[in-house]
Amino acid sequence: MKDSNTKTATKKTTGTTAAKSSKTTTSKTTTSKTATSKTDAPKGIVKAKSSAAEGLRELFVDSLKDIYWAEKALTKALPKMAKNATSQNLIDAINDHLTVTEGQVTRLEQVFASVGEKASAKKCDAMDGLIKEGEGIMEETELGAVRDAGIIAASQKIEHYEIATYGTLAAFAKTLGEDEAVELLVQTLNEEKEADITLTEAAYNTINFDATEEE
């Protein structure tokens, strides 16, 4: 009986030891995984969304959707700027750019088609912020030369954003071998550069000097 009891006790002890060993191993494994996870994602690294672009083509298409939204938003913002401007040169420049922007919306649809994608818009936070900044400038200035100068400043920020965006998109398209898209995007890029020059001339030739005289 003693031998039987001794064997039973030995089995229980062995089982308990094995269970503890298993728990310890599991705990070490979990700790190891946690440590690895922390190593893989250092502090300060932005965690990508599940819908994040995995390749250049996806990033290119996402960027197209952003600027498509941006151009459509501009077709609504530009008339308000023109209505609040007093310089005829500035009003003409804004109205001309509105016509050009409407054409750019259509051209973007051609870009989408050229790369086999359906044209769709995704809210562009950058353009949304720039448009709101322009509206804020108009609210904070009296109608006249000073407001005109503010409208030009806001408009040029928009132009510079568009120049940067179309330049980048053209570079992406070239890398992806989308020659038709490159041609269309470069055409729009050149239009944006011309618009920026027009606004600069308007500012230096008349409006900024008039704004100084009002002070």
Protein backbone atom coordinates (compact mmCIF):
# COMPACT_ATOMS: atom_id res chain seq x y z
CA MET A 1 0.00 0.00 0.00
CA LYS A 2 2.85 2.33 0.82
CA ASP A 3 4.39 1.76 -2.62
CA SER A 4 1.02 2.48 -4.25
CA ASN A 5 0.55 5.70 -2.28
CA THR A 6 4.12 6.76 -3.02
CA LYS A 7 3.59 6.24 -6.75
CA THR A 8 0.34 8.21 -6.69
CA ALA A 9 2.00 11.07 -4.84
CA THR A 10 4.89 11.02 -7.26
CA LYS A 11 2.49 11.23 -10.23
CA LYS A 12 0.62 14.17 -8.67
CA THR A 13 3.87 15.96 -7.95
CA THR A 14 5.11 15.33 -11.46
CA GLY A 15 1.81 16.53 -12.93
CA THR A 16 1.84 19.67 -10.86
CA THR A 17 5.44 20.39 -11.82
CA ALA A 18 4.63 19.88 -15.50
CA ALA A 19 1.63 22.20 -15.27
CA LYS A 20 3.73 24.88 -13.59
CA SER A 21 6.41 24.43 -16.21
CA SER A 22 3.79 24.77 -18.97
CA LYS A 23 2.40 27.97 -17.44
CA THR A 24 5.89 29.39 -17.06
CA THR A 25 6.68 28.59 -20.69
CA THR A 26 3.40 30.15 -21.85
CA SER A 27 4.09 33.22 -19.74
CA LYS A 28 7.56 33.56 -21.22
CA THR A 29 6.17 33.15 -24.73
CA THR A 30 3.54 35.85 -24.11
CA THR A 31 6.19 38.16 -22.68
CA SER A 32 8.38 37.48 -25.68
CA LYS A 33 5.55 38.30 -28.09
CA THR A 34 4.81 41.51 -26.22
CA ALA A 35 8.45 42.50 -26.33
CA THR A 36 8.61 41.72 -30.04
CA SER A 37 5.45 43.76 -30.65
CA LYS A 38 6.95 46.75 -28.87
CA THR A 39 10.15 46.34 -30.86
CA ASP A 40 8.22 46.18 -34.13
CA ALA A 41 6.27 49.36 -33.33
CA PRO A 42 8.55 51.85 -31.58
CA LYS A 43 7.04 54.80 -29.79
CA GLY A 44 6.13 57.60 -32.16
CA ILE A 45 5.49 55.36 -35.19
CA VAL A 46 2.03 55.99 -36.66
CA LYS A 47 -0.09 52.85 -36.84
CA ALA A 48 -1.51 52.35 -40.34
CA LYS A 49 -5.25 51.94 -40.85
CA SER A 50 -6.59 48.63 -42.10
CA SER A 51 -7.44 50.41 -45.37
CA ALA A 52 -3.94 51.89 -45.77
CA ALA A 53 -2.37 51.84 -49.23
CA GLU A 54 0.04 48.93 -49.66
CA GLY A 55 1.56 50.02 -52.95
CA LEU A 56 2.35 53.12 -55.02
CA ARG A 57 -0.65 52.58 -57.31
CA GLU A 58 -3.05 52.61 -54.37
CA LEU A 59 -1.41 55.75 -52.99
CA PHE A 60 -1.65 57.34 -56.44
CA VAL A 61 -5.36 56.58 -56.74
CA ASP A 62 -6.04 57.79 -53.18
CA SER A 63 -4.25 61.05 -53.98
CA LEU A 64 -6.32 61.44 -57.15
CA LYS A 65 -9.48 61.12 -55.07
CA ASP A 66 -8.20 63.84 -52.71
CA ILE A 67 -7.46 66.38 -55.44
CA TYR A 68 -10.72 65.51 -57.23
CA TRP A 69 -12.60 66.50 -54.07
CA ALA A 70 -10.40 69.58 -53.73
CA GLU A 71 -11.07 70.85 -57.26
CA LYS A 72 -14.82 70.32 -56.86
CA ALA A 73 -14.74 72.23 -53.57
CA LEU A 74 -12.88 75.08 -55.29
CA THR A 75 -15.61 75.46 -57.92
CA LYS A 76 -17.88 76.43 -55.02
CA ALA A 77 -15.34 78.58 -53.13
CA LEU A 78 -14.02 80.69 -56.02
CA PRO A 79 -17.33 82.47 -56.84
CA LYS A 80 -17.53 83.63 -53.21
CA MET A 81 -13.99 85.02 -53.43
CA ALA A 82 -14.83 86.86 -56.65
CA LYS A 83 -17.95 88.34 -55.07
CA ASN A 84 -15.90 89.71 -52.15
CA ALA A 85 -13.11 91.17 -54.29
CA THR A 86 -13.16 94.82 -55.42
CA SER A 87 -10.23 94.95 -57.86
CA GLN A 88 -11.46 94.19 -61.37
CA ASN A 89 -8.13 92.55 -62.19
CA LEU A 90 -8.55 90.20 -59.25
CA ILE A 91 -12.19 89.47 -60.07
CA ASP A 92 -11.23 88.61 -63.65
CA ALA A 93 -8.36 86.42 -62.46
CA ILE A 94 -10.62 84.49 -60.08
CA ASN A 95 -13.35 84.02 -62.70
CA ASP A 96 -10.79 82.85 -65.25
CA HIS A 97 -9.43 80.38 -62.73
CA LEU A 98 -12.95 79.12 -62.02
CA THR A 99 -13.35 78.26 -65.70
CA VAL A 100 -9.95 76.56 -65.71
CA THR A 101 -10.80 74.63 -62.50
CA GLU A 102 -14.01 73.30 -64.02
CA GLY A 103 -11.92 72.01 -66.92
CA GLN A 104 -9.48 70.45 -64.47
CA VAL A 105 -12.29 68.50 -62.82
CA THR A 106 -13.15 67.01 -66.20
CA ARG A 107 -9.47 66.29 -66.89
CA LEU A 108 -9.15 64.45 -63.58
CA GLU A 109 -12.03 62.23 -64.65
CA GLN A 110 -9.99 61.46 -67.76
CA VAL A 111 -7.01 60.59 -65.57
CA PHE A 112 -9.14 58.15 -63.57
CA ALA A 113 -10.36 56.55 -66.80
CA SER A 114 -6.81 56.31 -68.19
CA VAL A 115 -5.69 54.21 -65.20
CA GLY A 116 -8.83 52.07 -65.18
CA GLU A 117 -10.44 53.60 -62.09
CA LYS A 118 -13.88 55.08 -61.48
CA ALA A 119 -13.76 58.79 -60.63
CA SER A 120 -14.62 59.28 -56.97
CA ALA A 121 -13.86 61.98 -54.42
CA LYS A 122 -12.43 61.63 -50.92
CA LYS A 123 -12.45 64.65 -48.62
CA CYS A 124 -9.16 66.53 -48.80
CA ASP A 125 -8.45 67.90 -45.32
CA ALA A 126 -5.70 70.17 -46.63
CA MET A 127 -7.92 71.92 -49.19
CA ASP A 128 -10.80 72.07 -46.73
CA GLY A 129 -8.53 73.89 -44.30
CA LEU A 130 -7.19 76.29 -46.94
CA ILE A 131 -10.71 77.22 -48.08
CA LYS A 132 -11.82 77.80 -44.48
CA GLU A 133 -8.73 79.96 -43.91
CA GLY A 134 -9.71 82.06 -46.93
CA GLU A 135 -13.21 82.48 -45.57
CA GLY A 136 -11.74 83.55 -42.23
CA ILE A 137 -9.59 86.19 -43.91
CA MET A 138 -12.66 87.66 -45.62
CA GLU A 139 -14.51 87.78 -42.31
CA GLU A 140 -11.61 89.55 -40.62
CA THR A 141 -11.14 92.31 -43.24
CA GLU A 142 -13.25 95.14 -44.53
CA LEU A 143 -14.36 95.12 -48.15
CA GLY A 144 -11.65 96.85 -50.20
CA ALA A 145 -7.97 96.61 -51.06
CA VAL A 146 -6.97 94.94 -47.78
CA ARG A 147 -9.52 92.17 -48.26
CA ASP A 148 -8.36 91.84 -51.88
CA ALA A 149 -4.79 91.35 -50.63
CA GLY A 150 -6.04 88.72 -48.18
CA ILE A 151 -7.93 86.91 -50.95
CA ILE A 152 -4.78 86.82 -53.05
CA ALA A 153 -2.76 85.44 -50.13
CA ALA A 154 -5.34 82.68 -49.54
CA SER A 155 -5.56 81.93 -53.26
CA GLN A 156 -1.80 81.58 -53.63
CA LYS A 157 -1.64 79.14 -50.73
CA ILE A 158 -4.23 77.08 -52.59
CA GLU A 159 -2.25 77.33 -55.83
CA HIS A 160 0.97 76.24 -54.14
CA TYR A 161 -0.79 73.23 -52.63
CA GLU A 162 -2.17 72.28 -56.04
CA ILE A 163 1.22 72.75 -57.72
CA ALA A 164 2.82 70.41 -55.16
CA THR A 165 0.01 67.87 -55.53
CA TYR A 166 -0.05 67.75 -59.32
CA GLY A 167 3.75 67.63 -59.46
CA THR A 168 3.76 64.62 -57.14
CA LEU A 169 0.93 62.89 -59.00
CA ALA A 170 2.73 63.34 -62.31
CA ALA A 171 5.87 61.80 -60.79
CA PHE A 172 3.85 58.85 -59.44
CA ALA A 173 2.17 58.32 -62.80
CA LYS A 174 5.53 58.38 -64.58
CA THR A 175 6.93 55.77 -62.18
CA LEU A 176 3.86 53.59 -62.75
CA GLY A 177 4.22 53.86 -66.53
CA GLU A 178 0.90 55.70 -66.95
CA ASP A 179 1.96 57.95 -69.83
CA GLU A 180 -1.52 59.30 -70.64
CA ALA A 181 -2.07 60.24 -67.00
CA VAL A 182 1.32 61.98 -66.92
CA GLU A 183 0.40 64.13 -69.93
CA LEU A 184 -2.95 65.12 -68.44
CA LEU A 185 -1.52 65.90 -65.00
CA VAL A 186 1.35 67.98 -66.39
CA GLN A 187 -1.17 70.02 -68.39
CA THR A 188 -3.02 70.86 -65.18
CA LEU A 189 0.25 71.50 -63.34
CA ASN A 190 1.21 74.13 -65.92
CA GLU A 191 -2.20 75.80 -65.59
CA GLU A 192 -1.74 76.05 -61.82
CA LYS A 193 1.69 77.64 -62.26
CA GLU A 194 0.22 80.20 -64.67
CA ALA A 195 -2.56 81.01 -62.19
CA ASP A 196 0.02 81.58 -59.46
CA ILE A 197 1.93 84.02 -61.69
CA THR A 198 -1.28 85.89 -62.48
CA LEU A 199 -2.09 86.29 -58.79
CA THR A 200 1.45 87.46 -58.03
CA GLU A 201 1.25 90.11 -60.75
CA ALA A 202 -2.11 91.29 -59.45
CA ALA A 203 -0.69 91.61 -55.93
CA TYR A 204 2.47 93.48 -56.88
CA ASN A 205 1.01 95.68 -59.61
CA THR A 206 -1.95 97.15 -57.77
CA ILE A 207 -3.59 95.50 -54.80
CA ASN A 208 -0.78 95.33 -52.28
CA PHE A 209 0.12 98.98 -52.94
CA ASP A 210 -3.51 100.03 -52.57
CA ALA A 211 -3.74 98.09 -49.30
CA THR A 212 -0.70 99.97 -47.97
CA GLU A 213 -2.26 103.33 -48.80
CA GLU A 214 -5.40 102.41 -46.84
CA GLU A 215 -3.47 102.00 -43.58
